[in-house]
N, C-alpha and C. Protein backbone atom coordinates (compact mmCIF):
# COMPACT_ATOMS: atom_id res chain seq x y z
N MET A 1 -134.03 -21.84 -26.31
CA MET A 1 -134.66 -22.48 -25.27
C MET A 1 -134.21 -22.69 -24.15
N SER A 2 -132.81 -23.19 -24.86
CA SER A 2 -132.35 -23.34 -23.12
C SER A 2 -131.90 -22.24 -22.51
N GLY A 3 -131.81 -20.53 -23.70
CA GLY A 3 -131.16 -19.60 -22.67
C GLY A 3 -132.03 -19.34 -21.74
N ILE A 4 -133.68 -19.78 -21.87
CA ILE A 4 -134.56 -19.35 -21.35
C ILE A 4 -133.93 -20.05 -19.79
N ARG A 5 -134.50 -21.51 -20.24
CA ARG A 5 -134.15 -22.46 -18.58
C ARG A 5 -132.97 -21.86 -18.07
N THR A 6 -131.69 -21.85 -18.54
CA THR A 6 -130.90 -21.41 -18.09
C THR A 6 -131.00 -20.20 -17.31
N GLY A 7 -131.41 -19.37 -17.60
CA GLY A 7 -131.98 -18.17 -16.77
C GLY A 7 -132.85 -18.76 -15.53
N TRP A 8 -133.74 -19.21 -16.42
CA TRP A 8 -134.66 -19.07 -15.21
C TRP A 8 -134.22 -20.03 -13.79
N ILE A 9 -133.47 -20.87 -14.12
CA ILE A 9 -132.34 -22.15 -12.90
C ILE A 9 -131.61 -21.07 -12.19
N ALA A 10 -130.08 -20.16 -13.23
CA ALA A 10 -130.00 -18.75 -11.85
C ALA A 10 -130.81 -18.32 -11.07
N ILE A 11 -131.84 -17.81 -11.30
CA ILE A 11 -132.69 -17.44 -10.87
C ILE A 11 -133.51 -17.91 -9.71
N GLY A 12 -133.87 -19.37 -9.78
CA GLY A 12 -134.16 -20.51 -8.81
C GLY A 12 -133.25 -20.04 -7.76
N ALA A 13 -131.77 -20.72 -8.37
CA ALA A 13 -130.53 -20.64 -7.21
C ALA A 13 -130.39 -19.43 -6.74
N ALA A 14 -130.16 -18.33 -6.90
CA ALA A 14 -130.09 -17.06 -6.50
C ALA A 14 -131.13 -17.19 -5.29
N THR A 15 -132.67 -17.41 -5.91
CA THR A 15 -133.55 -16.92 -4.83
C THR A 15 -133.15 -18.21 -3.67
N ILE A 16 -132.59 -19.73 -3.63
CA ILE A 16 -132.63 -20.83 -2.83
C ILE A 16 -131.54 -19.70 -2.16
N ALA A 17 -130.39 -19.19 -2.99
CA ALA A 17 -129.03 -18.94 -1.96
C ALA A 17 -129.39 -17.97 -0.74
N LEU A 18 -130.50 -17.08 -1.33
CA LEU A 18 -130.99 -15.51 -0.06
C LEU A 18 -131.64 -16.34 0.55
N ALA A 19 -132.66 -17.37 0.32
CA ALA A 19 -133.19 -17.72 1.63
C ALA A 19 -132.51 -17.89 2.61
N VAL A 20 -131.28 -19.32 2.30
CA VAL A 20 -130.99 -19.99 2.70
C VAL A 20 -129.85 -18.89 4.03
N ALA A 21 -129.52 -17.86 3.21
CA ALA A 21 -128.67 -16.82 4.04
C ALA A 21 -129.59 -16.76 4.88
N GLY A 22 -130.68 -15.86 4.08
CA GLY A 22 -131.71 -15.74 5.74
C GLY A 22 -131.71 -16.35 6.84
N CYS A 23 -131.61 -17.60 6.95
CA CYS A 23 -131.74 -18.51 8.57
C CYS A 23 -130.64 -18.75 9.04
N GLY A 24 -130.01 -17.93 8.57
CA GLY A 24 -127.95 -17.74 9.73
C GLY A 24 -128.25 -16.86 10.47
N GLU A 25 -128.88 -15.97 10.55
CA GLU A 25 -129.02 -15.40 11.63
C GLU A 25 -128.97 -15.63 13.10
N ARG A 26 -128.01 -14.36 13.71
CA ARG A 26 -127.98 -15.09 14.93
C ARG A 26 -128.57 -13.82 16.28
N PRO A 27 -128.95 -14.20 17.38
CA PRO A 27 -129.39 -13.57 18.33
C PRO A 27 -128.89 -12.80 18.30
N GLN A 28 -128.98 -11.28 18.76
CA GLN A 28 -127.58 -9.77 18.95
C GLN A 28 -128.05 -10.00 20.39
N VAL A 29 -128.61 -10.46 21.44
CA VAL A 29 -128.36 -10.58 22.79
C VAL A 29 -128.57 -11.93 23.20
N ILE A 30 -126.93 -12.19 23.48
CA ILE A 30 -126.29 -12.87 24.30
C ILE A 30 -126.11 -13.56 25.83
N ASN A 31 -126.28 -13.78 26.48
CA ASN A 31 -126.43 -14.31 28.03
C ASN A 31 -126.49 -13.26 28.74
N TYR A 32 -127.89 -13.26 28.41
CA TYR A 32 -129.17 -11.91 29.32
C TYR A 32 -128.81 -12.54 30.78
N LYS A 33 -128.60 -11.96 31.54
CA LYS A 33 -128.83 -11.83 32.93
C LYS A 33 -129.92 -11.22 33.51
N GLN A 34 -131.04 -12.54 33.33
CA GLN A 34 -132.44 -11.56 34.20
C GLN A 34 -131.86 -10.85 35.23
N GLY A 35 -132.39 -9.36 35.07
CA GLY A 35 -132.63 -8.01 36.44
C GLY A 35 -131.58 -7.74 36.63
N LYS A 36 -129.97 -7.78 35.62
CA LYS A 36 -129.15 -6.91 35.53
C LYS A 36 -128.76 -6.54 34.66
N TYR A 37 -128.52 -5.68 34.66
CA TYR A 37 -127.90 -4.58 33.53
C TYR A 37 -126.51 -4.31 33.27
N GLN A 38 -126.59 -4.94 31.97
CA GLN A 38 -125.21 -4.95 31.14
C GLN A 38 -124.51 -4.29 30.89
N GLY A 39 -125.05 -2.47 31.02
CA GLY A 39 -123.83 -1.72 30.20
C GLY A 39 -123.12 -1.13 31.20
N LYS A 40 -122.41 0.42 31.08
CA LYS A 40 -121.54 0.71 31.74
C LYS A 40 -123.20 1.43 32.70
N PRO A 41 -121.90 1.52 34.24
CA PRO A 41 -123.06 2.74 35.16
C PRO A 41 -122.73 4.03 34.85
N ASP A 42 -123.75 4.39 34.95
CA ASP A 42 -123.70 6.30 34.31
C ASP A 42 -123.73 7.09 35.63
N THR A 43 -122.57 8.08 35.45
CA THR A 43 -122.69 9.03 37.24
C THR A 43 -123.56 10.38 36.69
N PRO A 44 -124.07 10.19 37.14
CA PRO A 44 -124.50 12.03 37.31
C PRO A 44 -124.54 12.55 36.34
N ALA A 45 -124.84 13.74 35.49
CA ALA A 45 -124.81 15.37 34.92
C ALA A 45 -123.49 16.57 36.06
N TYR A 46 -124.19 15.97 37.64
CA TYR A 46 -123.73 17.42 38.15
C TYR A 46 -122.67 16.92 38.07
N ALA A 47 -122.43 15.65 38.89
CA ALA A 47 -120.88 14.77 39.08
C ALA A 47 -119.42 15.52 38.79
N ASN A 48 -119.39 15.58 37.58
CA ASN A 48 -117.73 16.16 37.02
C ASN A 48 -118.25 17.48 37.05
N ALA A 49 -117.18 18.17 36.63
CA ALA A 49 -116.78 19.79 36.29
C ALA A 49 -117.63 20.22 35.96
N PRO A 50 -118.33 21.38 35.80
CA PRO A 50 -118.03 22.41 36.82
C PRO A 50 -118.53 22.48 37.97
N PHE A 51 -119.50 21.61 38.31
CA PHE A 51 -120.42 21.64 39.25
C PHE A 51 -119.69 20.48 40.37
N ASN A 52 -118.72 19.22 40.46
CA ASN A 52 -117.88 18.67 41.28
C ASN A 52 -119.54 18.19 42.12
N GLY A 53 -119.96 17.87 41.78
CA GLY A 53 -121.56 17.27 42.59
C GLY A 53 -121.91 17.76 43.43
N ASN A 54 -121.75 19.41 43.02
CA ASN A 54 -123.12 20.27 43.28
C ASN A 54 -123.94 20.04 42.68
N ARG A 55 -125.47 19.46 43.49
CA ARG A 55 -126.94 19.34 42.93
C ARG A 55 -127.27 20.64 42.55
N GLN A 56 -127.41 21.15 43.68
CA GLN A 56 -128.71 22.23 43.38
C GLN A 56 -127.81 23.07 42.70
N GLN A 57 -126.42 23.55 42.82
CA GLN A 57 -125.77 24.35 41.42
C GLN A 57 -126.24 24.82 40.33
N TYR A 58 -126.42 23.04 39.57
CA TYR A 58 -126.81 21.90 38.61
C TYR A 58 -128.15 22.82 38.42
N GLU A 59 -128.71 21.87 38.97
CA GLU A 59 -130.13 22.31 38.62
C GLU A 59 -131.13 23.47 38.86
N ASN A 60 -129.75 25.05 39.28
CA ASN A 60 -129.72 25.99 39.18
C ASN A 60 -129.38 26.29 38.09
N THR A 61 -128.33 26.02 37.17
CA THR A 61 -128.03 26.50 36.01
C THR A 61 -128.74 25.68 34.91
N ILE A 62 -129.10 24.62 35.56
CA ILE A 62 -130.40 24.16 34.51
C ILE A 62 -131.55 24.95 33.99
N ASN A 63 -132.10 25.47 35.29
CA ASN A 63 -133.11 26.53 35.21
C ASN A 63 -132.86 27.59 34.65
N THR A 64 -131.95 28.30 35.25
CA THR A 64 -131.64 29.39 34.25
C THR A 64 -131.17 29.36 32.79
N ARG A 65 -130.76 28.13 32.19
CA ARG A 65 -130.46 28.49 30.74
C ARG A 65 -132.08 27.62 30.24
N THR A 66 -132.71 27.18 30.98
CA THR A 66 -134.20 26.88 30.68
C THR A 66 -134.74 27.87 30.13
N GLN A 67 -134.72 29.15 30.73
CA GLN A 67 -135.92 29.98 31.08
C GLN A 67 -135.18 30.99 29.97
N SER A 68 -133.92 31.00 29.63
CA SER A 68 -133.07 32.24 28.61
C SER A 68 -133.54 31.95 27.78
N GLN A 69 -133.87 30.23 27.49
CA GLN A 69 -134.86 29.96 26.37
C GLN A 69 -135.87 30.62 25.90
N ASN A 70 -136.82 30.42 26.94
CA ASN A 70 -138.27 30.63 26.53
C ASN A 70 -138.42 32.01 26.32
N GLU A 71 -139.20 31.67 25.04
CA GLU A 71 -139.37 33.35 24.53
C GLU A 71 -139.99 34.34 25.21
N TYR A 72 -141.05 33.75 25.39
CA TYR A 72 -142.37 34.30 26.94
C TYR A 72 -141.75 35.47 27.45
N VAL A 73 -140.77 34.91 28.30
CA VAL A 73 -139.78 35.71 29.26
C VAL A 73 -138.93 36.35 28.32
N ARG A 74 -138.49 36.12 27.30
CA ARG A 74 -137.18 37.36 26.71
C ARG A 74 -138.18 38.13 26.64
N LEU A 75 -139.18 38.45 25.14
CA LEU A 75 -139.29 39.27 24.89
C LEU A 75 -140.46 40.59 25.77
N ARG A 76 -140.80 39.70 27.39
CA ARG A 76 -141.30 40.09 27.68
C ARG A 76 -140.95 41.31 29.07
N ASP A 77 -139.64 41.05 28.51
CA ASP A 77 -138.78 42.59 29.54
C ASP A 77 -138.56 43.35 28.44
């Protein structure tokens, strides 16, 4: 009978330990400043090589690539 009681005490202690451990969660966002972006600034995709800031060339390249992936246009020729 004392073995069963010891088992229940162990289960109860484990339950209490898990409940207390769940209360210690810290907030993941600390020092949020309202209206301020906290990450790194993004540069446009066309600002780097091979386009070197030429937005029109970048857009033409993207449009060409998109059209070459279009099955209707590829099979029509």
